[in-house]
Structure formats: C-alpha cells, structure tokens
C-alpha cells in the first residue's frame, strides 16, 4: 500500500495460517487455565472467580476472550474455508490481526490491573482508576504505545528494507562487463 507494490497473497495466507494455529492454542490454554483453577479450588479461587466474573468481566470475557480470541478465530476459519476475493481476504486478515492485538492489550490490562485489584489478604478488592496525567497516566501510556511506530517509520525512511531498482545505462554490454551483478541479475538485465 505505502510502496504501491502488490501484496504477496501466498505470504499473507501463510501468516494467516500461523495466526490461526497459535490463536487456537491460545484459546485452549486460556480455557484450561481457568478450568484448572476451578478444579483445584484453592483458597484463592473464591477471590479470583469474583474478580473475573464481576470486577473485570467485561474486559476478560468481552474484550480478551470473545473479541480478541474467539471472533478472530471464527473470522480466520470462515475466510480459509470460503471462496472470497483476495481484497476481501486481506481486509479480513487485517481485521482479525487488529482484534488479536486488542485482545492482547486487554489480557495485559487484566493481568496487571486485575492483580492490583486483589488485596494481599485475599479478603476483598481495592479500587483503581487510571489517572489522565502523570508518569502512570493514560497520556504517557498512549505516547509509549505510539512511539515504536514512529521509530519504525523513521528507520524505514532512513534505511529502506527493500531493494531499489537500479537504472542501467543504454549500452547494456558495457554495464555488465565491469559490474558485480549476480548471474540471475545479469540474465534479468539482458532480457
């Protein structure tokens, strides 16, 4: 898109299949983790069950599990089994990858904030609301989330990771004699 070069759909399909496989493993492992805690029923299960069913239920079940895992799994599975156009498949792949990233951010929120909500005595919950300003605020967190994209954009501008086409002079024979082109590149130039 940015470079105005057509996408390699076989590469995108391979990446999609890897995402589908790892997402399947992720859903199974998350489910097994909760069922194992339920089965073992240690003293901490009472407070953890309250946490995931009351305090962070929306972000745990709604965003992390359904929106970030199950929905992309169904979208990718449906897409691989159907005969859609490549543009539609590319859009669905982008949507699924974005939903997975949202699910990962929700998982990090649930682990960090959920862990902070449980009191150390396991007798109740504390409260937390993120501040807007300050070192732990939403603005600083947003800047840190955007910063890697800015750094990558600057690095790509300074050091493009793709090959630039080299224009050879009109007299091809002279350009090939003293050049250090590989055999494959020489054949391509001679055509």
N, C-alpha and C. Protein backbone atom coordinates (compact mmCIF):
# COMPACT_ATOMS: atom_id res chain seq x y z
N UNK A 1 0.82 -1.19 0.00
CA UNK A 1 0.00 0.00 0.00
C UNK A 1 0.87 1.26 0.00
N UNK A 2 1.77 1.35 0.93
CA UNK A 2 2.61 2.54 1.04
C UNK A 2 3.56 2.61 -0.15
N UNK A 3 4.13 1.46 -0.51
CA UNK A 3 5.11 1.42 -1.59
C UNK A 3 4.46 1.26 -2.96
N UNK A 4 3.16 1.10 -3.02
CA UNK A 4 2.44 0.90 -4.28
C UNK A 4 2.92 -0.37 -4.99
N UNK A 5 3.22 -1.40 -4.20
CA UNK A 5 3.66 -2.68 -4.73
C UNK A 5 2.58 -3.71 -4.38
N UNK A 6 2.21 -4.59 -5.30
CA UNK A 6 1.18 -5.58 -4.98
C UNK A 6 1.59 -6.50 -3.83
N UNK A 7 0.62 -6.90 -3.04
CA UNK A 7 0.88 -7.78 -1.90
C UNK A 7 1.13 -9.20 -2.38
N UNK A 8 1.93 -9.92 -1.63
CA UNK A 8 2.15 -11.34 -1.91
C UNK A 8 1.11 -12.13 -1.11
N UNK A 9 0.06 -12.54 -1.79
CA UNK A 9 -1.05 -13.19 -1.10
C UNK A 9 -0.69 -14.56 -0.55
N UNK A 10 0.26 -15.24 -1.13
CA UNK A 10 0.69 -16.53 -0.59
C UNK A 10 1.38 -16.33 0.76
N UNK A 11 2.15 -15.26 0.88
CA UNK A 11 2.80 -14.94 2.16
C UNK A 11 1.76 -14.57 3.21
N UNK A 12 0.77 -13.77 2.82
CA UNK A 12 -0.30 -13.40 3.75
C UNK A 12 -1.08 -14.62 4.20
N UNK A 13 -1.32 -15.55 3.29
CA UNK A 13 -2.05 -16.77 3.65
C UNK A 13 -1.25 -17.60 4.64
N UNK A 14 0.06 -17.70 4.43
CA UNK A 14 0.91 -18.45 5.37
C UNK A 14 0.89 -17.81 6.75
N UNK A 15 1.00 -16.49 6.79
CA UNK A 15 0.93 -15.79 8.08
C UNK A 15 -0.42 -15.99 8.75
N UNK A 16 -1.49 -16.01 7.94
CA UNK A 16 -2.83 -16.24 8.48
C UNK A 16 -2.94 -17.62 9.10
N UNK A 17 -2.39 -18.61 8.42
CA UNK A 17 -2.45 -19.98 8.96
C UNK A 17 -1.66 -20.09 10.26
N UNK A 18 -0.52 -19.42 10.36
CA UNK A 18 0.25 -19.41 11.61
C UNK A 18 -0.56 -18.73 12.72
N UNK A 19 -1.18 -17.60 12.40
CA UNK A 19 -2.01 -16.90 13.39
C UNK A 19 -3.16 -17.78 13.83
N UNK A 20 -3.79 -18.46 12.89
CA UNK A 20 -4.90 -19.35 13.21
C UNK A 20 -4.46 -20.48 14.13
N UNK A 21 -3.30 -21.05 13.87
CA UNK A 21 -2.79 -22.13 14.72
C UNK A 21 -2.46 -21.66 16.12
N UNK A 22 -1.72 -20.57 16.23
CA UNK A 22 -1.35 -20.07 17.55
C UNK A 22 -2.56 -19.54 18.32
N UNK A 23 -3.53 -18.97 17.61
CA UNK A 23 -4.74 -18.48 18.27
C UNK A 23 -5.55 -19.65 18.82
N UNK A 24 -5.59 -20.76 18.09
CA UNK A 24 -6.28 -21.97 18.59
C UNK A 24 -5.62 -22.48 19.86
N UNK A 25 -4.30 -22.54 19.86
CA UNK A 25 -3.57 -22.98 21.05
C UNK A 25 -3.82 -22.02 22.21
N UNK A 26 -3.85 -20.72 21.93
CA UNK A 26 -4.09 -19.72 22.96
C UNK A 26 -5.46 -19.90 23.62
N UNK A 27 -6.50 -20.08 22.81
CA UNK A 27 -7.85 -20.25 23.36
C UNK A 27 -7.92 -21.49 24.23
N UNK A 28 -7.31 -22.58 23.79
CA UNK A 28 -7.31 -23.82 24.58
C UNK A 28 -6.57 -23.62 25.90
N UNK A 29 -5.40 -22.99 25.85
CA UNK A 29 -4.61 -22.79 27.07
C UNK A 29 -5.30 -21.86 28.06
N UNK A 30 -5.94 -20.79 27.56
CA UNK A 30 -6.66 -19.90 28.46
C UNK A 30 -7.83 -20.61 29.13
N UNK A 31 -8.55 -21.40 28.35
CA UNK A 31 -9.66 -22.16 28.92
C UNK A 31 -9.17 -23.18 29.94
N UNK A 32 -8.09 -23.89 29.62
CA UNK A 32 -7.54 -24.87 30.56
C UNK A 32 -7.05 -24.21 31.85
N UNK A 33 -6.50 -23.01 31.74
CA UNK A 33 -6.03 -22.31 32.94
C UNK A 33 -7.18 -22.03 33.90
N UNK A 34 -8.29 -21.52 33.38
CA UNK A 34 -9.44 -21.21 34.23
C UNK A 34 -10.05 -22.50 34.78
N UNK A 35 -10.20 -23.51 33.93
CA UNK A 35 -10.79 -24.76 34.42
C UNK A 35 -9.90 -25.46 35.44
N UNK A 36 -8.59 -25.35 35.28
CA UNK A 36 -7.67 -25.93 36.26
C UNK A 36 -7.80 -25.23 37.60
N UNK A 37 -7.87 -23.89 37.57
CA UNK A 37 -8.05 -23.15 38.83
C UNK A 37 -9.38 -23.51 39.48
N UNK A 38 -10.41 -23.69 38.67
CA UNK A 38 -11.72 -24.09 39.21
C UNK A 38 -11.66 -25.49 39.81
N UNK A 39 -11.00 -26.41 39.12
CA UNK A 39 -10.91 -27.79 39.59
C UNK A 39 -10.11 -27.90 40.88
N UNK A 40 -8.97 -27.21 40.94
CA UNK A 40 -8.12 -27.27 42.13
C UNK A 40 -8.80 -26.58 43.30
N UNK A 41 -9.49 -25.50 43.04
CA UNK A 41 -10.25 -24.73 44.04
C UNK A 41 -9.44 -24.45 45.30
N UNK A 42 -8.30 -23.82 45.12
CA UNK A 42 -7.51 -23.40 46.26
C UNK A 42 -8.21 -22.24 46.94
N UNK A 43 -7.61 -21.76 48.02
CA UNK A 43 -8.21 -20.66 48.76
C UNK A 43 -8.33 -19.39 47.94
N UNK A 44 -7.48 -19.24 46.94
CA UNK A 44 -7.52 -18.03 46.11
C UNK A 44 -8.62 -18.07 45.06
N UNK A 45 -9.22 -19.25 44.79
CA UNK A 45 -10.22 -19.34 43.74
C UNK A 45 -11.45 -18.49 44.03
N UNK A 46 -11.84 -18.37 45.27
CA UNK A 46 -13.02 -17.56 45.61
C UNK A 46 -12.86 -16.13 45.17
N UNK A 47 -11.71 -15.54 45.45
CA UNK A 47 -11.49 -14.14 45.08
C UNK A 47 -11.23 -14.00 43.58
N UNK A 48 -10.55 -14.99 42.98
CA UNK A 48 -10.27 -14.92 41.54
C UNK A 48 -11.56 -15.09 40.74
N UNK A 49 -12.45 -15.97 41.18
CA UNK A 49 -13.72 -16.13 40.46
C UNK A 49 -14.55 -14.86 40.55
N UNK A 50 -14.54 -14.20 41.70
CA UNK A 50 -15.24 -12.92 41.82
C UNK A 50 -14.61 -11.88 40.90
N UNK A 51 -13.29 -11.89 40.85
CA UNK A 51 -12.59 -10.92 40.01
C UNK A 51 -12.97 -11.07 38.55
N UNK A 52 -12.91 -12.29 38.01
CA UNK A 52 -13.17 -12.46 36.58
C UNK A 52 -14.65 -12.46 36.23
N UNK A 53 -15.53 -12.68 37.19
CA UNK A 53 -16.96 -12.65 36.87
C UNK A 53 -17.64 -11.34 37.25
N UNK A 54 -17.00 -10.52 38.09
CA UNK A 54 -17.63 -9.27 38.49
C UNK A 54 -16.79 -8.04 38.15
N UNK A 55 -15.58 -7.97 38.67
CA UNK A 55 -14.77 -6.76 38.55
C UNK A 55 -14.25 -6.53 37.13
N UNK A 56 -13.69 -7.55 36.51
CA UNK A 56 -13.12 -7.38 35.15
C UNK A 56 -13.84 -8.26 34.13
N UNK A 57 -15.10 -8.56 34.38
CA UNK A 57 -15.84 -9.46 33.49
C UNK A 57 -15.93 -8.90 32.07
N UNK A 58 -16.17 -7.62 31.94
CA UNK A 58 -16.28 -7.02 30.60
C UNK A 58 -14.98 -7.11 29.82
N UNK A 59 -13.88 -6.77 30.47
CA UNK A 59 -12.61 -6.81 29.74
C UNK A 59 -12.09 -8.24 29.60
N UNK A 60 -12.44 -9.13 30.55
CA UNK A 60 -11.94 -10.51 30.45
C UNK A 60 -12.74 -11.32 29.43
N UNK A 61 -14.04 -11.43 29.66
CA UNK A 61 -14.85 -12.25 28.76
C UNK A 61 -15.18 -11.52 27.47
N UNK A 62 -15.55 -10.23 27.58
CA UNK A 62 -15.97 -9.49 26.40
C UNK A 62 -14.84 -9.15 25.45
N UNK A 63 -13.80 -8.46 25.96
CA UNK A 63 -12.74 -7.98 25.08
C UNK A 63 -11.67 -9.04 24.86
N UNK A 64 -11.11 -9.58 25.95
CA UNK A 64 -9.99 -10.52 25.81
C UNK A 64 -10.42 -11.83 25.17
N UNK A 65 -11.49 -12.44 25.66
CA UNK A 65 -11.83 -13.78 25.20
C UNK A 65 -12.66 -13.76 23.91
N UNK A 66 -13.77 -13.03 23.91
CA UNK A 66 -14.65 -13.08 22.73
C UNK A 66 -14.10 -12.22 21.59
N UNK A 67 -13.86 -10.92 21.86
CA UNK A 67 -13.42 -10.02 20.81
C UNK A 67 -11.99 -10.29 20.37
N UNK A 68 -11.10 -10.66 21.30
CA UNK A 68 -9.70 -10.82 20.97
C UNK A 68 -9.27 -12.23 20.63
N UNK A 69 -10.11 -13.24 20.88
CA UNK A 69 -9.71 -14.62 20.59
C UNK A 69 -10.74 -15.38 19.74
N UNK A 70 -11.96 -15.46 20.24
CA UNK A 70 -12.96 -16.30 19.57
C UNK A 70 -13.41 -15.69 18.24
N UNK A 71 -13.70 -14.39 18.21
CA UNK A 71 -14.14 -13.76 16.97
C UNK A 71 -13.08 -13.82 15.86
N UNK A 72 -11.80 -13.48 16.15
CA UNK A 72 -10.79 -13.65 15.09
C UNK A 72 -10.63 -15.10 14.64
N UNK A 73 -10.78 -16.03 15.58
CA UNK A 73 -10.68 -17.45 15.24
C UNK A 73 -11.77 -17.83 14.24
N UNK A 74 -13.00 -17.39 14.48
CA UNK A 74 -14.09 -17.68 13.55
C UNK A 74 -13.93 -16.95 12.22
N UNK A 75 -13.47 -15.71 12.27
CA UNK A 75 -13.27 -14.95 11.02
C UNK A 75 -12.21 -15.63 10.16
N UNK A 76 -11.08 -15.98 10.77
CA UNK A 76 -10.00 -16.62 10.01
C UNK A 76 -10.41 -18.00 9.50
N UNK A 77 -11.10 -18.76 10.33
CA UNK A 77 -11.57 -20.08 9.90
C UNK A 77 -12.56 -19.99 8.75
N UNK A 78 -13.53 -19.07 8.87
CA UNK A 78 -14.51 -18.88 7.80
C UNK A 78 -13.83 -18.43 6.51
N UNK A 79 -12.87 -17.52 6.65
CA UNK A 79 -12.18 -16.98 5.49
C UNK A 79 -11.40 -18.07 4.75
N UNK A 80 -10.74 -18.96 5.50
CA UNK A 80 -9.96 -20.02 4.86
C UNK A 80 -10.84 -21.06 4.19
N UNK A 81 -12.06 -21.25 4.69
CA UNK A 81 -12.95 -22.26 4.11
C UNK A 81 -13.82 -21.72 2.99
N UNK A 82 -13.90 -20.39 2.84
CA UNK A 82 -14.77 -19.81 1.81
C UNK A 82 -13.95 -19.36 0.61
N UNK A 83 -14.66 -19.04 -0.44
CA UNK A 83 -14.02 -18.58 -1.67
C UNK A 83 -14.29 -17.08 -1.84
N UNK A 84 -13.58 -16.30 -1.09
CA UNK A 84 -13.71 -14.85 -1.17
C UNK A 84 -12.59 -14.29 -2.04
N UNK A 85 -12.77 -13.07 -2.51
CA UNK A 85 -11.72 -12.41 -3.29
C UNK A 85 -10.53 -12.06 -2.41
N UNK A 86 -9.40 -11.85 -3.05
CA UNK A 86 -8.17 -11.56 -2.29
C UNK A 86 -8.26 -10.25 -1.53
N UNK A 87 -8.94 -9.25 -2.08
CA UNK A 87 -9.08 -7.97 -1.38
C UNK A 87 -9.90 -8.15 -0.11
N UNK A 88 -10.98 -8.92 -0.18
CA UNK A 88 -11.82 -9.17 0.99
C UNK A 88 -11.04 -9.97 2.03
N UNK A 89 -10.30 -10.98 1.57
CA UNK A 89 -9.49 -11.78 2.49
C UNK A 89 -8.43 -10.92 3.18
N UNK A 90 -7.80 -10.02 2.43
CA UNK A 90 -6.79 -9.15 3.02
C UNK A 90 -7.42 -8.26 4.09
N UNK A 91 -8.60 -7.73 3.81
CA UNK A 91 -9.30 -6.89 4.80
C UNK A 91 -9.66 -7.69 6.04
N UNK A 92 -10.14 -8.92 5.85
CA UNK A 92 -10.49 -9.77 6.99
C UNK A 92 -9.25 -10.17 7.80
N UNK A 93 -8.14 -10.39 7.12
CA UNK A 93 -6.89 -10.69 7.83
C UNK A 93 -6.45 -9.51 8.68
N UNK A 94 -6.55 -8.31 8.12
CA UNK A 94 -6.18 -7.11 8.86
C UNK A 94 -7.11 -6.93 10.07
N UNK A 95 -8.40 -7.13 9.86
CA UNK A 95 -9.37 -7.01 10.96
C UNK A 95 -9.07 -8.03 12.06
N UNK A 96 -8.81 -9.27 11.67
CA UNK A 96 -8.52 -10.31 12.65
C UNK A 96 -7.25 -10.02 13.43
N UNK A 97 -6.20 -9.59 12.74
CA UNK A 97 -4.95 -9.27 13.42
C UNK A 97 -5.14 -8.10 14.38
N UNK A 98 -5.93 -7.11 13.98
CA UNK A 98 -6.21 -5.97 14.87
C UNK A 98 -6.99 -6.42 16.10
N UNK A 99 -7.96 -7.30 15.92
CA UNK A 99 -8.73 -7.81 17.06
C UNK A 99 -7.85 -8.62 18.01
N UNK A 100 -6.92 -9.39 17.45
CA UNK A 100 -5.99 -10.15 18.30
C UNK A 100 -5.14 -9.20 19.13
N UNK A 101 -4.66 -8.11 18.52
CA UNK A 101 -3.87 -7.13 19.26
C UNK A 101 -4.69 -6.47 20.37
N UNK A 102 -5.94 -6.17 20.09
CA UNK A 102 -6.82 -5.60 21.12
C UNK A 102 -6.99 -6.61 22.25
N UNK A 103 -7.13 -7.89 21.90
CA UNK A 103 -7.24 -8.93 22.93
C UNK A 103 -5.97 -9.05 23.77
N UNK A 104 -4.81 -8.89 23.14
CA UNK A 104 -3.55 -8.94 23.88
C UNK A 104 -3.45 -7.77 24.85
N UNK A 105 -3.84 -6.57 24.39
CA UNK A 105 -3.82 -5.42 25.30
C UNK A 105 -4.80 -5.63 26.46
N UNK A 106 -5.97 -6.21 26.18
CA UNK A 106 -6.93 -6.49 27.24
C UNK A 106 -6.38 -7.52 28.21
N UNK A 107 -5.66 -8.53 27.71
CA UNK A 107 -5.05 -9.53 28.58
C UNK A 107 -4.02 -8.88 29.50
N UNK A 108 -3.20 -7.98 28.97
CA UNK A 108 -2.22 -7.29 29.80
C UNK A 108 -2.92 -6.43 30.85
N UNK A 109 -4.00 -5.76 30.46
CA UNK A 109 -4.77 -4.96 31.41
C UNK A 109 -5.32 -5.85 32.52
N UNK A 110 -5.89 -6.99 32.14
CA UNK A 110 -6.48 -7.88 33.13
C UNK A 110 -5.44 -8.44 34.09
N UNK A 111 -4.27 -8.76 33.58
CA UNK A 111 -3.22 -9.31 34.44
C UNK A 111 -2.71 -8.24 35.41
N UNK A 112 -2.41 -7.06 34.88
CA UNK A 112 -1.81 -6.02 35.72
C UNK A 112 -2.85 -5.39 36.64
N UNK A 113 -3.93 -4.90 36.07
CA UNK A 113 -4.94 -4.22 36.89
C UNK A 113 -5.71 -5.23 37.74
N UNK A 114 -6.00 -6.40 37.19
CA UNK A 114 -6.68 -7.43 37.99
C UNK A 114 -5.85 -7.85 39.18
N UNK A 115 -4.54 -7.97 38.96
CA UNK A 115 -3.66 -8.30 40.08
C UNK A 115 -3.61 -7.20 41.12
N UNK A 116 -3.72 -5.95 40.68
CA UNK A 116 -3.72 -4.82 41.62
C UNK A 116 -5.02 -4.72 42.40
N UNK A 117 -6.12 -5.22 41.81
CA UNK A 117 -7.42 -5.11 42.47
C UNK A 117 -7.56 -6.09 43.64
N UNK A 118 -6.84 -7.20 43.60
CA UNK A 118 -6.95 -8.19 44.68
C UNK A 118 -6.12 -7.72 45.86
N UNK A 119 -6.74 -7.70 47.04
CA UNK A 119 -5.99 -7.30 48.23
C UNK A 119 -5.02 -8.42 48.61
N UNK A 120 -3.95 -8.07 49.27
CA UNK A 120 -2.93 -9.06 49.63
C UNK A 120 -3.45 -10.10 50.62
N UNK A 121 -4.48 -9.78 51.37
CA UNK A 121 -5.03 -10.72 52.33
C UNK A 121 -6.09 -11.63 51.71
N UNK A 122 -6.39 -11.44 50.43
CA UNK A 122 -7.42 -12.20 49.70
C UNK A 122 -8.80 -12.07 50.34
N UNK A 123 -9.08 -10.92 50.95
CA UNK A 123 -10.36 -10.71 51.62
C UNK A 123 -11.26 -9.73 50.90
N UNK A 124 -10.84 -9.22 49.80
CA UNK A 124 -11.66 -8.25 49.09
C UNK A 124 -10.89 -7.62 47.96
N UNK A 125 -11.42 -6.50 47.52
CA UNK A 125 -10.83 -5.82 46.38
C UNK A 125 -10.45 -4.39 46.74
N UNK A 126 -9.45 -3.91 46.06
CA UNK A 126 -9.12 -2.50 46.15
C UNK A 126 -9.74 -1.82 44.94
N UNK A 127 -9.57 -0.53 44.81
CA UNK A 127 -10.13 0.16 43.64
C UNK A 127 -8.99 0.81 42.87
N UNK A 128 -9.20 0.95 41.58
CA UNK A 128 -8.19 1.58 40.73
C UNK A 128 -8.87 2.26 39.57
N UNK A 129 -8.48 3.50 39.33
CA UNK A 129 -8.89 4.20 38.11
C UNK A 129 -7.64 4.91 37.58
N UNK A 130 -7.30 4.67 36.33
CA UNK A 130 -6.05 5.24 35.79
C UNK A 130 -6.12 6.75 35.70
N UNK A 131 -5.04 7.44 36.12
CA UNK A 131 -5.03 8.90 36.00
C UNK A 131 -4.80 9.33 34.55
N UNK A 132 -5.22 10.54 34.24
CA UNK A 132 -5.01 11.06 32.89
C UNK A 132 -3.59 11.58 32.71
N UNK A 133 -3.09 12.28 33.70
CA UNK A 133 -1.76 12.88 33.64
C UNK A 133 -0.80 12.15 34.58
N UNK A 134 0.47 12.44 34.45
CA UNK A 134 1.47 11.85 35.33
C UNK A 134 2.21 10.71 34.65
N UNK A 135 3.22 10.19 35.35
CA UNK A 135 4.08 9.14 34.78
C UNK A 135 3.30 7.85 34.53
N UNK A 136 2.27 7.58 35.32
CA UNK A 136 1.45 6.38 35.14
C UNK A 136 0.13 6.69 34.46
N UNK A 137 0.03 7.84 33.81
CA UNK A 137 -1.23 8.28 33.22
C UNK A 137 -1.50 7.72 31.85
N UNK A 138 -2.70 7.97 31.39
CA UNK A 138 -3.15 7.48 30.09
C UNK A 138 -2.39 8.15 28.95
N UNK A 139 -2.07 9.43 29.10
CA UNK A 139 -1.37 10.15 28.04
C UNK A 139 0.03 9.58 27.84
N UNK A 140 0.76 9.34 28.92
CA UNK A 140 2.11 8.77 28.81
C UNK A 140 2.04 7.37 28.22
N UNK A 141 1.06 6.57 28.64
CA UNK A 141 0.90 5.22 28.09
C UNK A 141 0.61 5.26 26.59
N UNK A 142 -0.21 6.21 26.17
CA UNK A 142 -0.52 6.34 24.75
C UNK A 142 0.71 6.74 23.95
N UNK A 143 1.51 7.65 24.51
CA UNK A 143 2.75 8.05 23.82
C UNK A 143 3.68 6.85 23.67
N UNK A 144 3.81 6.05 24.73
CA UNK A 144 4.68 4.87 24.65
C UNK A 144 4.14 3.82 23.70
N UNK A 145 2.83 3.76 23.50
CA UNK A 145 2.27 2.81 22.54
C UNK A 145 2.51 3.28 21.10
N UNK A 146 2.52 4.58 20.87
CA UNK A 146 2.70 5.13 19.52
C UNK A 146 4.18 5.22 19.15
N UNK A 147 5.05 5.38 20.14
CA UNK A 147 6.48 5.59 19.90
C UNK A 147 7.14 4.52 19.02
N UNK A 148 6.89 3.22 19.21
CA UNK A 148 7.53 2.22 18.31
C UNK A 148 7.17 2.41 16.84
N UNK A 149 5.93 2.81 16.56
CA UNK A 149 5.53 3.02 15.17
C UNK A 149 6.27 4.21 14.56
N UNK A 150 6.47 5.25 15.36
CA UNK A 150 7.21 6.42 14.88
C UNK A 150 8.67 6.03 14.61
N UNK A 151 9.26 5.28 15.52
CA UNK A 151 10.66 4.87 15.36
C UNK A 151 10.83 4.00 14.12
N UNK A 152 9.91 3.05 13.90
CA UNK A 152 9.99 2.19 12.71
C UNK A 152 9.81 3.02 11.45
N UNK A 153 8.89 3.98 11.46
CA UNK A 153 8.68 4.82 10.27
C UNK A 153 9.94 5.62 9.94
N UNK A 154 10.60 6.17 10.95
CA UNK A 154 11.83 6.93 10.72
C UNK A 154 12.93 6.01 10.20
N UNK A 155 13.07 4.83 10.80
CA UNK A 155 14.10 3.89 10.34
C UNK A 155 13.85 3.41 8.91
N UNK A 156 12.61 3.17 8.56
CA UNK A 156 12.29 2.76 7.19
C UNK A 156 12.58 3.89 6.22
N UNK A 157 12.33 5.12 6.64
CA UNK A 157 12.63 6.26 5.77
C UNK A 157 14.14 6.40 5.56
N UNK A 158 14.91 6.23 6.63
CA UNK A 158 16.36 6.37 6.54
C UNK A 158 17.04 5.16 5.88
N UNK A 159 16.58 3.96 6.22
CA UNK A 159 17.19 2.73 5.71
C UNK A 159 16.10 1.83 5.13
N UNK A 160 15.68 2.08 3.90
CA UNK A 160 14.60 1.26 3.32
C UNK A 160 14.99 -0.22 3.27
N UNK A 161 14.13 -1.10 3.76
CA UNK A 161 14.46 -2.53 3.81
C UNK A 161 14.24 -3.27 2.50
N UNK A 162 13.82 -2.60 1.47
CA UNK A 162 13.60 -3.24 0.18
C UNK A 162 14.60 -2.72 -0.83
N UNK A 163 14.75 -3.48 -1.89
CA UNK A 163 15.71 -3.12 -2.93
C UNK A 163 15.14 -2.01 -3.81
N UNK A 164 15.98 -1.08 -4.14
CA UNK A 164 15.61 -0.05 -5.11
C UNK A 164 16.07 -0.52 -6.48
N UNK A 165 15.30 -0.22 -7.51
CA UNK A 165 15.69 -0.61 -8.85
C UNK A 165 16.79 0.31 -9.34
N UNK A 166 17.83 -0.29 -9.88
CA UNK A 166 18.97 0.46 -10.40
C UNK A 166 18.78 0.59 -11.90
N UNK A 167 18.84 1.82 -12.39
CA UNK A 167 18.71 2.03 -13.83
C UNK A 167 20.09 1.91 -14.46
N UNK A 168 20.20 1.02 -15.44
CA UNK A 168 21.46 0.80 -16.14
C UNK A 168 21.54 1.71 -17.36
N UNK A 169 22.74 2.02 -17.79
CA UNK A 169 22.89 2.84 -19.00
C UNK A 169 22.36 2.10 -20.22
N UNK A 170 22.17 2.85 -21.30
CA UNK A 170 21.61 2.31 -22.53
C UNK A 170 22.45 1.17 -23.09
N UNK A 171 23.75 1.26 -22.99
CA UNK A 171 24.62 0.23 -23.55
C UNK A 171 24.78 -0.87 -22.51
N UNK A 172 23.98 -1.87 -22.62
CA UNK A 172 23.95 -2.93 -21.61
C UNK A 172 25.25 -3.71 -21.55
N UNK A 173 25.88 -3.93 -22.64
CA UNK A 173 27.11 -4.72 -22.67
C UNK A 173 28.18 -4.12 -21.79
N UNK A 174 28.34 -2.79 -21.84
CA UNK A 174 29.36 -2.13 -21.03
C UNK A 174 28.99 -2.20 -19.54
N UNK A 175 27.71 -2.09 -19.25
CA UNK A 175 27.29 -2.10 -17.85
C UNK A 175 27.50 -3.48 -17.23
N UNK A 176 27.43 -4.53 -18.04
CA UNK A 176 27.54 -5.87 -17.50
C UNK A 176 28.99 -6.33 -17.37
N UNK A 177 29.89 -5.78 -18.19
CA UNK A 177 31.27 -6.25 -18.16
C UNK A 177 31.96 -6.01 -16.83
N UNK A 178 31.95 -4.80 -16.36
CA UNK A 178 32.69 -4.47 -15.15
C UNK A 178 31.82 -4.47 -13.90
N UNK A 179 30.57 -4.87 -14.00
CA UNK A 179 29.69 -4.79 -12.83
C UNK A 179 29.83 -6.03 -11.96
N UNK A 180 29.28 -5.94 -10.77
CA UNK A 180 29.33 -7.06 -9.83
C UNK A 180 27.94 -7.68 -9.67
N UNK A 181 27.17 -7.71 -10.74
CA UNK A 181 25.84 -8.30 -10.69
C UNK A 181 25.94 -9.81 -10.61
N UNK A 182 24.97 -10.42 -9.93
CA UNK A 182 24.94 -11.87 -9.87
C UNK A 182 24.47 -12.42 -11.21
N UNK A 183 24.59 -13.71 -11.39
CA UNK A 183 24.22 -14.35 -12.65
C UNK A 183 22.72 -14.18 -12.92
N UNK A 184 21.92 -14.29 -11.89
CA UNK A 184 20.47 -14.15 -12.02
C UNK A 184 20.11 -12.72 -12.44
N UNK A 185 20.78 -11.73 -11.85
CA UNK A 185 20.52 -10.34 -12.19
C UNK A 185 20.98 -10.02 -13.61
N UNK A 186 22.08 -10.62 -14.05
CA UNK A 186 22.58 -10.41 -15.41
C UNK A 186 21.56 -10.91 -16.43
N UNK A 187 21.01 -12.10 -16.18
CA UNK A 187 20.01 -12.64 -17.10
C UNK A 187 18.78 -11.74 -17.17
N UNK A 188 18.38 -11.20 -16.01
CA UNK A 188 17.21 -10.35 -15.97
C UNK A 188 17.47 -9.06 -16.74
N UNK A 189 18.66 -8.50 -16.65
CA UNK A 189 19.01 -7.26 -17.34
C UNK A 189 19.07 -7.51 -18.84
N UNK A 190 19.62 -8.66 -19.26
CA UNK A 190 19.76 -8.94 -20.68
C UNK A 190 18.42 -9.12 -21.36
N UNK A 191 17.41 -9.51 -20.61
CA UNK A 191 16.07 -9.66 -21.21
C UNK A 191 15.50 -8.31 -21.45
